Amino acid sequence: MNTYIALFRGINVGGNNILPMKDLVAILQALGYEGVQTYIQSGNAVFKSRETIDAKGAADISREIFKKMGFEPKVLLLSHKQLQEAIKNNSFPTNDGKALHFFFLEQPCSKPNIDYLESLKIESEKFKLHKMTFYLYAPEGVGRSKLAAATGKALGVSLTARNWNTVNKLRL
């Protein structure tokens, strides 16, 4: 059995695209996935599959949610190995789970604008891009960070972010 982590974008935010976690579990089970577990309402699921899942699997999940719920969220799938690699390659402190953020990229970025990100960074912030993960340490809060808000544009790829507390829970 292969373990996967599904990260959903834009569900249960501001009263839009409401997807109760019990419905998400049922949708994933209907697709044949086993051992489905969810973590917090913002859209994180861990499940097992007998088959290897690729980008088509993410599209299948999104389509199935559309059929059942009427909206089609972006879904980023990580294998357990990919999540473990992202965790291993983090070089920032993990003692404040809300200060450290992992931005998972949908695809590799060919021309990241690192200079632009550097220009937005405040003194206390640190960041690193490694393969398919962008790490941001923002001890003053990600909500105030201009760098965090500009990351997707600067990297030129679709991405979704999770703080260390969430990443740590998803590693099972």
C-alpha atoms as a PDB file:
ATOM      1  CA  MET A   1       0.000   0.000   0.000  1.00  0.00           C
ATOM      2  CA  ASN A   2       1.177   3.486  -0.861  1.00  0.00           C
ATOM      3  CA  THR A   3       0.442   6.423   1.441  1.00  0.00           C
ATOM      4  CA  TYR A   4      -0.557   9.789  -0.044  1.00  0.00           C
ATOM      5  CA  ILE A   5      -1.275  13.221   1.313  1.00  0.00           C
ATOM      6  CA  ALA A   6      -3.876  15.360  -0.475  1.00  0.00           C
ATOM      7  CA  LEU A   7      -3.617  19.100   0.094  1.00  0.00           C
ATOM      8  CA  PHE A   8      -6.688  21.043  -1.010  1.00  0.00           C
ATOM      9  CA  ARG A   9      -6.712  24.733  -1.945  1.00  0.00           C
ATOM     10  CA  GLY A  10      -9.571  27.063  -1.187  1.00  0.00           C
ATOM     11  CA  ILE A  11     -12.003  24.862   0.701  1.00  0.00           C
ATOM     12  CA  ASN A  12     -13.849  25.924   3.847  1.00  0.00           C
ATOM     13  CA  VAL A  13     -12.324  29.413   3.664  1.00  0.00           C
ATOM     14  CA  GLY A  14     -14.521  32.425   4.401  1.00  0.00           C
ATOM     15  CA  GLY A  15     -17.712  30.400   4.101  1.00  0.00           C
ATOM     16  CA  ASN A  16     -16.935  29.423   0.504  1.00  0.00           C
ATOM     17  CA  ASN A  17     -16.502  25.995  -1.076  1.00  0.00           C
ATOM     18  CA  ILE A  18     -17.802  24.206   1.988  1.00  0.00           C
ATOM     19  CA  LEU A  19     -16.660  20.602   2.176  1.00  0.00           C
ATOM     20  CA  PRO A  20     -17.341  18.833   5.475  1.00  0.00           C
ATOM     21  CA  MET A  21     -14.518  16.451   6.291  1.00  0.00           C
ATOM     22  CA  LYS A  22     -16.934  13.507   6.628  1.00  0.00           C
ATOM     23  CA  ASP A  23     -17.992  14.145   3.009  1.00  0.00           C
ATOM     24  CA  LEU A  24     -14.355  14.336   1.915  1.00  0.00           C
ATOM     25  CA  VAL A  25     -13.682  10.989   3.600  1.00  0.00           C
ATOM     26  CA  ALA A  26     -16.683   9.450   1.797  1.00  0.00           C
ATOM     27  CA  ILE A  27     -15.549  10.855  -1.574  1.00  0.00           C
ATOM     28  CA  LEU A  28     -12.023   9.484  -1.162  1.00  0.00           C
ATOM     29  CA  GLN A  29     -13.361   6.104  -0.048  1.00  0.00           C
ATOM     30  CA  ALA A  30     -15.701   6.016  -3.076  1.00  0.00           C
ATOM     31  CA  LEU A  31     -12.612   6.451  -5.265  1.00  0.00           C
ATOM     32  CA  GLY A  32     -11.191   3.292  -3.690  1.00  0.00           C
ATOM     33  CA  TYR A  33      -8.777   4.842  -1.220  1.00  0.00           C
ATOM     34  CA  GLU A  34      -8.381   3.248   2.191  1.00  0.00           C
ATOM     35  CA  GLY A  35      -7.539   4.377   5.713  1.00  0.00           C
ATOM     36  CA  VAL A  36      -8.668   7.926   4.953  1.00  0.00           C
ATOM     37  CA  GLN A  37      -7.912  10.456   7.693  1.00  0.00           C
ATOM     38  CA  THR A  38      -8.425  14.211   7.589  1.00  0.00           C
ATOM     39  CA  TYR A  39      -6.741  16.949   9.552  1.00  0.00           C
ATOM     40  CA  ILE A  40      -8.355  20.348  10.205  1.00  0.00           C
ATOM     41  CA  GLN A  41     -11.106  21.825   8.064  1.00  0.00           C
ATOM     42  CA  SER A  42      -8.843  23.620   5.571  1.00  0.00           C
ATOM     43  CA  GLY A  43      -8.392  20.485   3.517  1.00  0.00           C
ATOM     44  CA  ASN A  44      -5.768  17.915   4.368  1.00  0.00           C
ATOM     45  CA  ALA A  45      -6.246  14.193   3.896  1.00  0.00           C
ATOM     46  CA  VAL A  46      -3.987  11.180   4.289  1.00  0.00           C
ATOM     47  CA  PHE A  47      -4.969   7.900   2.653  1.00  0.00           C
ATOM     48  CA  LYS A  48      -3.637   4.656   1.244  1.00  0.00           C
ATOM     49  CA  SER A  49      -3.872   3.272  -2.268  1.00  0.00           C
ATOM     50  CA  ARG A  50      -2.955  -0.092  -3.714  1.00  0.00           C
ATOM     51  CA  GLU A  51      -1.901   1.688  -6.901  1.00  0.00           C
ATOM     52  CA  THR A  52       0.599   4.432  -7.603  1.00  0.00           C
ATOM     53  CA  ILE A  53      -1.205   7.738  -8.033  1.00  0.00           C
ATOM     54  CA  ASP A  54      -0.018  10.544 -10.291  1.00  0.00           C
ATOM     55  CA  ALA A  55      -1.387  13.962 -11.309  1.00  0.00           C
ATOM     56  CA  LYS A  56      -4.388  12.229 -12.867  1.00  0.00           C
ATOM     57  CA  GLY A  57      -5.316  11.031  -9.381  1.00  0.00           C
ATOM     58  CA  ALA A  58      -5.457  14.630  -8.146  1.00  0.00           C
ATOM     59  CA  ALA A  59      -7.685  15.550 -11.097  1.00  0.00           C
ATOM     60  CA  ASP A  60      -9.943  12.560 -10.357  1.00  0.00           C
ATOM     61  CA  ILE A  61     -10.370  13.681  -6.750  1.00  0.00           C
ATOM     62  CA  SER A  62     -11.144  17.234  -7.823  1.00  0.00           C
ATOM     63  CA  ARG A  63     -13.709  16.031 -10.400  1.00  0.00           C
ATOM     64  CA  GLU A  64     -15.403  13.772  -7.878  1.00  0.00           C
ATOM     65  CA  ILE A  65     -15.737  16.667  -5.438  1.00  0.00           C
ATOM     66  CA  PHE A  66     -17.284  18.720  -8.247  1.00  0.00           C
ATOM     67  CA  LYS A  67     -19.841  15.972  -8.918  1.00  0.00           C
ATOM     68  CA  LYS A  68     -20.825  15.742  -5.248  1.00  0.00           C
ATOM     69  CA  MET A  69     -20.363  19.312  -4.001  1.00  0.00           C
ATOM     70  CA  GLY A  70     -20.577  21.596  -7.060  1.00  0.00           C
ATOM     71  CA  PHE A  71     -17.086  23.098  -6.955  1.00  0.00           C
ATOM     72  CA  GLU A  72     -13.722  21.852  -8.171  1.00  0.00           C
ATOM     73  CA  PRO A  73     -10.858  22.544  -5.770  1.00  0.00           C
ATOM     74  CA  LYS A  74      -7.202  22.382  -6.693  1.00  0.00           C
ATOM     75  CA  VAL A  75      -5.662  19.251  -5.219  1.00  0.00           C
ATOM     76  CA  LEU A  76      -1.954  18.733  -4.742  1.00  0.00           C
ATOM     77  CA  LEU A  77      -0.930  15.136  -4.057  1.00  0.00           C
ATOM     78  CA  LEU A  78       2.250  14.181  -2.254  1.00  0.00           C
ATOM     79  CA  SER A  79       3.531  10.692  -1.688  1.00  0.00           C
ATOM     80  CA  HIS A  80       4.612   9.858   1.848  1.00  0.00           C
ATOM     81  CA  LYS A  81       8.187   9.791   0.535  1.00  0.00           C
ATOM     82  CA  GLN A  82       7.847  13.309  -0.938  1.00  0.00           C
ATOM     83  CA  LEU A  83       6.524  14.664   2.357  1.00  0.00           C
ATOM     84  CA  GLN A  84       9.351  12.990   4.307  1.00  0.00           C
ATOM     85  CA  GLU A  85      11.899  14.462   1.883  1.00  0.00           C
ATOM     86  CA  ALA A  86      10.417  17.945   2.327  1.00  0.00           C
ATOM     87  CA  ILE A  87      10.638  17.560   6.101  1.00  0.00           C
ATOM     88  CA  LYS A  88      14.210  16.261   5.922  1.00  0.00           C
ATOM     89  CA  ASN A  89      15.323  19.198   3.760  1.00  0.00           C
ATOM     90  CA  ASN A  90      13.959  21.861   6.099  1.00  0.00           C
ATOM     91  CA  SER A  91      16.776  23.805   7.725  1.00  0.00           C
ATOM     92  CA  PHE A  92      14.713  26.185   9.875  1.00  0.00           C
ATOM     93  CA  PRO A  93      13.659  25.920  13.543  1.00  0.00           C
ATOM     94  CA  THR A  94      10.589  23.799  14.241  1.00  0.00           C
ATOM     95  CA  ASN A  95       9.951  24.946  17.810  1.00  0.00           C
ATOM     96  CA  ASP A  96       7.297  27.471  16.674  1.00  0.00           C
ATOM     97  CA  GLY A  97       4.938  25.544  14.442  1.00  0.00           C
ATOM     98  CA  LYS A  98       3.131  28.632  13.199  1.00  0.00           C
ATOM     99  CA  ALA A  99       6.299  30.474  12.160  1.00  0.00           C
ATOM    100  CA  LEU A 100       7.570  27.830   9.744  1.00  0.00           C
ATOM    101  CA  HIS A 101       5.699  27.300   6.470  1.00  0.00           C
ATOM    102  CA  PHE A 102       6.142  24.760   3.714  1.00  0.00           C
ATOM    103  CA  PHE A 103       4.913  25.871   0.282  1.00  0.00           C
ATOM    104  CA  PHE A 104       4.424  22.750  -1.825  1.00  0.00           C
ATOM    105  CA  LEU A 105       4.863  23.420  -5.542  1.00  0.00           C
ATOM    106  CA  GLU A 106       2.650  21.780  -8.140  1.00  0.00           C
ATOM    107  CA  GLN A 107       5.598  21.595 -10.538  1.00  0.00           C
ATOM    108  CA  PRO A 108       9.241  22.656 -10.603  1.00  0.00           C
ATOM    109  CA  CYS A 109       9.773  26.371 -11.163  1.00  0.00           C
ATOM    110  CA  SER A 110      12.020  27.172 -14.090  1.00  0.00           C
ATOM    111  CA  LYS A 111      12.759  30.832 -13.325  1.00  0.00           C
ATOM    112  CA  PRO A 112      12.188  31.669  -9.671  1.00  0.00           C
ATOM    113  CA  ASN A 113      12.490  35.392  -8.965  1.00  0.00           C
ATOM    114  CA  ILE A 114      14.553  35.074  -5.798  1.00  0.00           C
ATOM    115  CA  ASP A 115      15.744  38.699  -5.997  1.00  0.00           C
ATOM    116  CA  TYR A 116      12.127  39.882  -5.820  1.00  0.00           C
ATOM    117  CA  LEU A 117      11.478  37.715  -2.767  1.00  0.00           C
ATOM    118  CA  GLU A 118      14.671  39.022  -1.130  1.00  0.00           C
ATOM    119  CA  SER A 119      13.429  42.585  -1.673  1.00  0.00           C
ATOM    120  CA  LEU A 120      10.188  41.815   0.213  1.00  0.00           C
ATOM    121  CA  LYS A 121      11.785  39.959   3.093  1.00  0.00           C
ATOM    122  CA  ILE A 122      11.904  41.625   6.491  1.00  0.00           C
ATOM    123  CA  GLU A 123      14.945  41.122   8.691  1.00  0.00           C
ATOM    124  CA  SER A 124      13.515  38.276  10.770  1.00  0.00           C
ATOM    125  CA  GLU A 125      12.327  36.235   7.775  1.00  0.00           C
ATOM    126  CA  LYS A 126      14.330  33.484   6.151  1.00  0.00           C
ATOM    127  CA  PHE A 127      13.482  31.365   3.134  1.00  0.00           C
ATOM    128  CA  LYS A 128      14.845  28.579   0.997  1.00  0.00           C
ATOM    129  CA  LEU A 129      13.732  26.897  -2.219  1.00  0.00           C
ATOM    130  CA  HIS A 130      14.613  23.227  -2.501  1.00  0.00           C
ATOM    131  CA  LYS A 131      13.241  21.221  -5.422  1.00  0.00           C
ATOM    132  CA  MET A 132       9.442  21.217  -5.039  1.00  0.00           C
ATOM    133  CA  THR A 133       9.251  22.925  -1.643  1.00  0.00           C
ATOM    134  CA  PHE A 134       9.686  26.553  -0.654  1.00  0.00           C
ATOM    135  CA  TYR A 135      10.374  27.029   3.049  1.00  0.00           C
ATOM    136  CA  LEU A 136       9.515  30.258   4.832  1.00  0.00           C
ATOM    137  CA  TYR A 137      10.430  31.024   8.408  1.00  0.00           C
ATOM    138  CA  ALA A 138       8.354  34.060   9.431  1.00  0.00           C
ATOM    139  CA  PRO A 139       8.551  34.483  13.217  1.00  0.00           C
ATOM    140  CA  GLU A 140       6.503  37.700  13.114  1.00  0.00           C
ATOM    141  CA  GLY A 141       3.630  35.910  11.404  1.00  0.00           C
ATOM    142  CA  VAL A 142       2.867  34.825   7.879  1.00  0.00           C
ATOM    143  CA  GLY A 143      -0.244  37.020   7.754  1.00  0.00           C
ATOM    144  CA  ARG A 144       1.934  40.129   7.871  1.00  0.00           C
ATOM    145  CA  SER A 145       4.541  38.808   5.472  1.00  0.00           C
ATOM    146  CA  LYS A 146       4.728  40.502   2.068  1.00  0.00           C
ATOM    147  CA  LEU A 147       7.097  37.731   1.040  1.00  0.00           C
ATOM    148  CA  ALA A 148       4.519  35.012   1.796  1.00  0.00           C
ATOM    149  CA  ALA A 149       1.844  36.786  -0.236  1.00  0.00           C
ATOM    150  CA  ALA A 150       4.145  37.095  -3.268  1.00  0.00           C
ATOM    151  CA  THR A 151       5.629  33.599  -3.263  1.00  0.00           C
ATOM    152  CA  GLY A 152       3.390  32.025  -5.919  1.00  0.00           C
ATOM    153  CA  LYS A 153       3.867  34.926  -8.318  1.00  0.00           C
ATOM    154  CA  ALA A 154       7.627  35.066  -7.741  1.00  0.00           C
ATOM    155  CA  LEU A 155       8.044  31.336  -8.309  1.00  0.00           C
ATOM    156  CA  GLY A 156       5.661  31.287 -11.269  1.00  0.00           C
ATOM    157  CA  VAL A 157       3.912  28.069 -10.234  1.00  0.00           C
ATOM    158  CA  SER A 158       0.765  27.008  -8.447  1.00  0.00           C
ATOM    159  CA  LEU A 159       1.415  26.072  -4.832  1.00  0.00           C
ATOM    160  CA  THR A 160      -0.243  25.503  -1.498  1.00  0.00           C
ATOM    161  CA  ALA A 161       1.191  26.243   1.934  1.00  0.00           C
ATOM    162  CA  ARG A 162       0.958  24.516   5.305  1.00  0.00           C
ATOM    163  CA  ASN A 163       2.543  25.507   8.593  1.00  0.00           C
ATOM    164  CA  TRP A 164       4.866  23.169  10.476  1.00  0.00           C
ATOM    165  CA  ASN A 165       2.140  22.088  12.900  1.00  0.00           C
ATOM    166  CA  THR A 166       0.058  20.789   9.986  1.00  0.00           C
ATOM    167  CA  VAL A 167       3.000  19.230   8.129  1.00  0.00           C
ATOM    168  CA  ASN A 168       4.038  17.447  11.304  1.00  0.00           C
ATOM    169  CA  LYS A 169       0.527  16.001  11.787  1.00  0.00           C
ATOM    170  CA  LEU A 170       0.368  14.807   8.162  1.00  0.00           C
ATOM    171  CA  ARG A 171       3.593  12.820   8.346  1.00  0.00           C
ATOM    172  CA  LEU A 172       1.933  10.044  10.386  1.00  0.00           C
END
